[in-house]
Amino acid sequence: MVLINYGFEEVGKWTKENLKNGITFELCKFEKERVVYTFLVDCKIMYLGICNNTTTTLKDRMNRYKYRSGKGTNERIADKIKKCLEQGKCVKIFALKLESTLQYKDLNIDLVKGLENPLIEKLKPDWNIQNVRRKGNSRS
């Protein structure tokens, strides 16, 4: 699997919940870490995202989907996760924790942010809007 080649590890999964939001998650690793993450459905990479701020953890980020915080992407992706779970599909969470940092002259390079777009371009996850626009499809 291409994700393993980049250093991603399986760290959890989404499950159905009987509350209003309908989904919840379980994490077994990197809960308190800042990572690049992906959601896989039937072994296919469907979405790639990042913990955008330096203080955002994987658990924080997953909670934004669970509770549909801030509408927009969080709500859209939560709806897609819920639909997959209702269809009996497994939605796995993979994550890449970056250990090293880069520096250019006196500037620190944020590898988490820096890897997001190149990984989306390479992996072409169906649920990423950048990928949808590139294919010429409408948002769903």
C-alpha atoms as a PDB file:
ATOM      1  CA  MET A   1       0.000   0.000   0.000  1.00  0.00           C
ATOM      2  CA  VAL A   2       1.337   3.405  -1.012  1.00  0.00           C
ATOM      3  CA  LEU A   3       0.532   4.970   2.387  1.00  0.00           C
ATOM      4  CA  ILE A   4       2.888   2.596   4.172  1.00  0.00           C
ATOM      5  CA  ASN A   5       5.673   3.618   1.770  1.00  0.00           C
ATOM      6  CA  TYR A   6       5.251   7.221   2.939  1.00  0.00           C
ATOM      7  CA  GLY A   7       5.284   6.199   6.613  1.00  0.00           C
ATOM      8  CA  PHE A   8       1.549   6.271   7.374  1.00  0.00           C
ATOM      9  CA  GLU A   9       0.257   3.914  10.062  1.00  0.00           C
ATOM     10  CA  GLU A  10      -3.232   2.684  10.828  1.00  0.00           C
ATOM     11  CA  VAL A  11      -4.271   4.565  13.973  1.00  0.00           C
ATOM     12  CA  GLY A  12      -8.029   4.163  14.267  1.00  0.00           C
ATOM     13  CA  LYS A  13     -11.430   3.970  12.684  1.00  0.00           C
ATOM     14  CA  TRP A  14     -14.803   5.674  12.469  1.00  0.00           C
ATOM     15  CA  THR A  15     -17.885   3.954  13.872  1.00  0.00           C
ATOM     16  CA  LYS A  16     -21.608   4.610  14.032  1.00  0.00           C
ATOM     17  CA  GLU A  17     -23.015   6.401  17.049  1.00  0.00           C
ATOM     18  CA  ASN A  18     -26.676   6.687  17.998  1.00  0.00           C
ATOM     19  CA  LEU A  19     -26.426  10.341  18.925  1.00  0.00           C
ATOM     20  CA  LYS A  20     -27.446  13.261  16.707  1.00  0.00           C
ATOM     21  CA  ASN A  21     -24.151  13.443  14.817  1.00  0.00           C
ATOM     22  CA  GLY A  22     -24.230   9.710  14.008  1.00  0.00           C
ATOM     23  CA  ILE A  23     -20.464   9.065  13.989  1.00  0.00           C
ATOM     24  CA  THR A  24     -17.640   8.658  16.459  1.00  0.00           C
ATOM     25  CA  PHE A  25     -14.033   7.517  16.240  1.00  0.00           C
ATOM     26  CA  GLU A  26     -11.541   5.307  18.024  1.00  0.00           C
ATOM     27  CA  LEU A  27      -7.820   6.094  18.041  1.00  0.00           C
ATOM     28  CA  CYS A  28      -5.088   3.717  19.187  1.00  0.00           C
ATOM     29  CA  LYS A  29      -2.093   5.898  18.346  1.00  0.00           C
ATOM     30  CA  PHE A  30      -1.057   9.544  17.779  1.00  0.00           C
ATOM     31  CA  GLU A  31      -4.133  10.837  19.643  1.00  0.00           C
ATOM     32  CA  LYS A  32      -2.166  13.773  21.082  1.00  0.00           C
ATOM     33  CA  GLU A  33       0.083  14.354  18.062  1.00  0.00           C
ATOM     34  CA  ARG A  34       0.034  16.749  15.113  1.00  0.00           C
ATOM     35  CA  VAL A  35      -0.118  14.644  11.960  1.00  0.00           C
ATOM     36  CA  VAL A  36      -1.087  14.272   8.323  1.00  0.00           C
ATOM     37  CA  TYR A  37      -4.061  11.873   8.229  1.00  0.00           C
ATOM     38  CA  THR A  38      -6.130   9.944   5.709  1.00  0.00           C
ATOM     39  CA  PHE A  39      -9.468   8.138   5.696  1.00  0.00           C
ATOM     40  CA  LEU A  40      -9.650   4.839   3.833  1.00  0.00           C
ATOM     41  CA  VAL A  41     -12.840   3.119   2.714  1.00  0.00           C
ATOM     42  CA  ASP A  42     -12.504  -0.429   1.379  1.00  0.00           C
ATOM     43  CA  CYS A  43      -8.714   0.083   1.202  1.00  0.00           C
ATOM     44  CA  LYS A  44      -9.134   3.181  -1.011  1.00  0.00           C
ATOM     45  CA  ILE A  45      -7.792   6.562   0.110  1.00  0.00           C
ATOM     46  CA  MET A  46     -10.833   8.829   0.209  1.00  0.00           C
ATOM     47  CA  TYR A  47      -9.610  11.901   2.099  1.00  0.00           C
ATOM     48  CA  LEU A  48      -6.334  13.456   3.202  1.00  0.00           C
ATOM     49  CA  GLY A  49      -6.049  16.238   5.759  1.00  0.00           C
ATOM     50  CA  ILE A  50      -3.718  17.788   8.285  1.00  0.00           C
ATOM     51  CA  CYS A  51      -3.723  19.095  11.810  1.00  0.00           C
ATOM     52  CA  ASN A  52      -3.342  22.634  10.523  1.00  0.00           C
ATOM     53  CA  ASN A  53      -2.203  24.522  13.631  1.00  0.00           C
ATOM     54  CA  THR A  54       0.889  23.564  15.582  1.00  0.00           C
ATOM     55  CA  THR A  55      -1.267  22.951  18.679  1.00  0.00           C
ATOM     56  CA  THR A  56      -3.976  20.873  16.952  1.00  0.00           C
ATOM     57  CA  THR A  57      -3.853  17.154  17.757  1.00  0.00           C
ATOM     58  CA  LEU A  58      -5.315  14.253  15.801  1.00  0.00           C
ATOM     59  CA  LYS A  59      -8.010  13.846  18.464  1.00  0.00           C
ATOM     60  CA  ASP A  60      -8.893  17.560  18.175  1.00  0.00           C
ATOM     61  CA  ARG A  61      -9.166  17.249  14.408  1.00  0.00           C
ATOM     62  CA  MET A  62     -11.324  14.102  14.511  1.00  0.00           C
ATOM     63  CA  ASN A  63     -13.632  15.780  17.040  1.00  0.00           C
ATOM     64  CA  ARG A  64     -14.242  18.583  14.536  1.00  0.00           C
ATOM     65  CA  TYR A  65     -15.626  16.017  12.094  1.00  0.00           C
ATOM     66  CA  LYS A  66     -17.555  14.172  14.796  1.00  0.00           C
ATOM     67  CA  TYR A  67     -19.260  17.341  16.041  1.00  0.00           C
ATOM     68  CA  ARG A  68     -19.336  19.011  12.594  1.00  0.00           C
ATOM     69  CA  SER A  69     -17.567  22.059  13.998  1.00  0.00           C
ATOM     70  CA  GLY A  70     -17.365  25.087  11.753  1.00  0.00           C
ATOM     71  CA  LYS A  71     -19.530  23.623   8.972  1.00  0.00           C
ATOM     72  CA  GLY A  72     -17.805  23.505   5.555  1.00  0.00           C
ATOM     73  CA  THR A  73     -15.275  20.713   5.181  1.00  0.00           C
ATOM     74  CA  ASN A  74     -15.948  19.200   8.599  1.00  0.00           C
ATOM     75  CA  GLU A  75     -19.645  18.812   7.875  1.00  0.00           C
ATOM     76  CA  ARG A  76     -19.110  17.597   4.309  1.00  0.00           C
ATOM     77  CA  ILE A  77     -16.590  14.925   5.297  1.00  0.00           C
ATOM     78  CA  ALA A  78     -18.651  13.856   8.335  1.00  0.00           C
ATOM     79  CA  ASP A  79     -21.621  13.283   6.013  1.00  0.00           C
ATOM     80  CA  LYS A  80     -19.482  11.131   3.724  1.00  0.00           C
ATOM     81  CA  ILE A  81     -18.153   9.097   6.677  1.00  0.00           C
ATOM     82  CA  LYS A  82     -21.688   8.605   8.024  1.00  0.00           C
ATOM     83  CA  LYS A  83     -22.974   7.487   4.627  1.00  0.00           C
ATOM     84  CA  CYS A  84     -20.178   4.906   4.307  1.00  0.00           C
ATOM     85  CA  LEU A  85     -20.865   3.555   7.795  1.00  0.00           C
ATOM     86  CA  GLU A  86     -24.591   3.316   7.041  1.00  0.00           C
ATOM     87  CA  GLN A  87     -23.681   1.231   3.980  1.00  0.00           C
ATOM     88  CA  GLY A  88     -21.731  -1.137   6.246  1.00  0.00           C
ATOM     89  CA  LYS A  89     -18.331   0.008   5.025  1.00  0.00           C
ATOM     90  CA  CYS A  90     -15.288   0.355   7.268  1.00  0.00           C
ATOM     91  CA  VAL A  91     -13.700   3.823   7.446  1.00  0.00           C
ATOM     92  CA  LYS A  92     -10.127   3.516   8.716  1.00  0.00           C
ATOM     93  CA  ILE A  93      -7.901   6.355   9.910  1.00  0.00           C
ATOM     94  CA  PHE A  94      -4.220   6.356   8.950  1.00  0.00           C
ATOM     95  CA  ALA A  95      -1.714   8.975  10.114  1.00  0.00           C
ATOM     96  CA  LEU A  96       1.824  10.135   9.424  1.00  0.00           C
ATOM     97  CA  LYS A  97       3.729  11.650  12.323  1.00  0.00           C
ATOM     98  CA  LEU A  98       6.743  13.576  11.147  1.00  0.00           C
ATOM     99  CA  GLU A  99       9.746  13.355  13.436  1.00  0.00           C
ATOM    100  CA  SER A 100      12.146  15.641  11.654  1.00  0.00           C
ATOM    101  CA  THR A 101      12.060  19.347  10.954  1.00  0.00           C
ATOM    102  CA  LEU A 102      13.553  21.260   8.088  1.00  0.00           C
ATOM    103  CA  GLN A 103      15.129  24.660   8.042  1.00  0.00           C
ATOM    104  CA  TYR A 104      15.954  27.003   5.199  1.00  0.00           C
ATOM    105  CA  LYS A 105      18.423  29.649   6.339  1.00  0.00           C
ATOM    106  CA  ASP A 106      16.731  31.006   9.481  1.00  0.00           C
ATOM    107  CA  LEU A 107      13.226  29.756   8.540  1.00  0.00           C
ATOM    108  CA  ASN A 108      11.568  26.666  10.000  1.00  0.00           C
ATOM    109  CA  ILE A 109       9.713  24.629   7.374  1.00  0.00           C
ATOM    110  CA  ASP A 110       6.331  23.194   8.456  1.00  0.00           C
ATOM    111  CA  LEU A 111       6.425  19.667   6.988  1.00  0.00           C
ATOM    112  CA  VAL A 112       2.812  18.918   7.923  1.00  0.00           C
ATOM    113  CA  LYS A 113       1.516  21.843   5.860  1.00  0.00           C
ATOM    114  CA  GLY A 114       4.153  21.317   3.196  1.00  0.00           C
ATOM    115  CA  LEU A 115       3.150  17.704   2.544  1.00  0.00           C
ATOM    116  CA  GLU A 116      -0.610  18.230   2.294  1.00  0.00           C
ATOM    117  CA  ASN A 117      -0.899  19.438  -1.316  1.00  0.00           C
ATOM    118  CA  PRO A 118       1.805  17.170  -2.796  1.00  0.00           C
ATOM    119  CA  LEU A 119       0.181  14.130  -1.145  1.00  0.00           C
ATOM    120  CA  ILE A 120      -3.275  15.139  -2.397  1.00  0.00           C
ATOM    121  CA  GLU A 121      -1.829  15.574  -5.884  1.00  0.00           C
ATOM    122  CA  LYS A 122      -0.123  12.162  -5.740  1.00  0.00           C
ATOM    123  CA  LEU A 123      -2.875  10.138  -4.020  1.00  0.00           C
ATOM    124  CA  LYS A 124      -5.913  11.909  -5.552  1.00  0.00           C
ATOM    125  CA  PRO A 125      -8.404  11.206  -2.735  1.00  0.00           C
ATOM    126  CA  ASP A 126     -12.004  11.413  -3.978  1.00  0.00           C
ATOM    127  CA  TRP A 127     -13.287  13.523  -1.076  1.00  0.00           C
ATOM    128  CA  ASN A 128     -10.669  16.290  -1.309  1.00  0.00           C
ATOM    129  CA  ILE A 129     -12.155  19.317  -3.038  1.00  0.00           C
ATOM    130  CA  GLN A 130      -8.847  20.138  -4.753  1.00  0.00           C
ATOM    131  CA  ASN A 131      -9.083  16.711  -6.402  1.00  0.00           C
ATOM    132  CA  VAL A 132     -12.763  17.179  -7.289  1.00  0.00           C
ATOM    133  CA  ARG A 133     -12.019  20.499  -8.992  1.00  0.00           C
ATOM    134  CA  ARG A 134      -9.060  18.982 -10.827  1.00  0.00           C
ATOM    135  CA  LYS A 135     -11.299  16.224 -12.219  1.00  0.00           C
ATOM    136  CA  GLY A 136     -13.888  18.805 -13.260  1.00  0.00           C
ATOM    137  CA  ASN A 137     -16.623  17.257 -11.118  1.00  0.00           C
ATOM    138  CA  SER A 138     -19.043  19.213  -8.992  1.00  0.00           C
ATOM    139  CA  ARG A 139     -18.876  19.199  -5.215  1.00  0.00           C
ATOM    140  CA  SER A 140     -20.767  16.449  -3.496  1.00  0.00           C
END
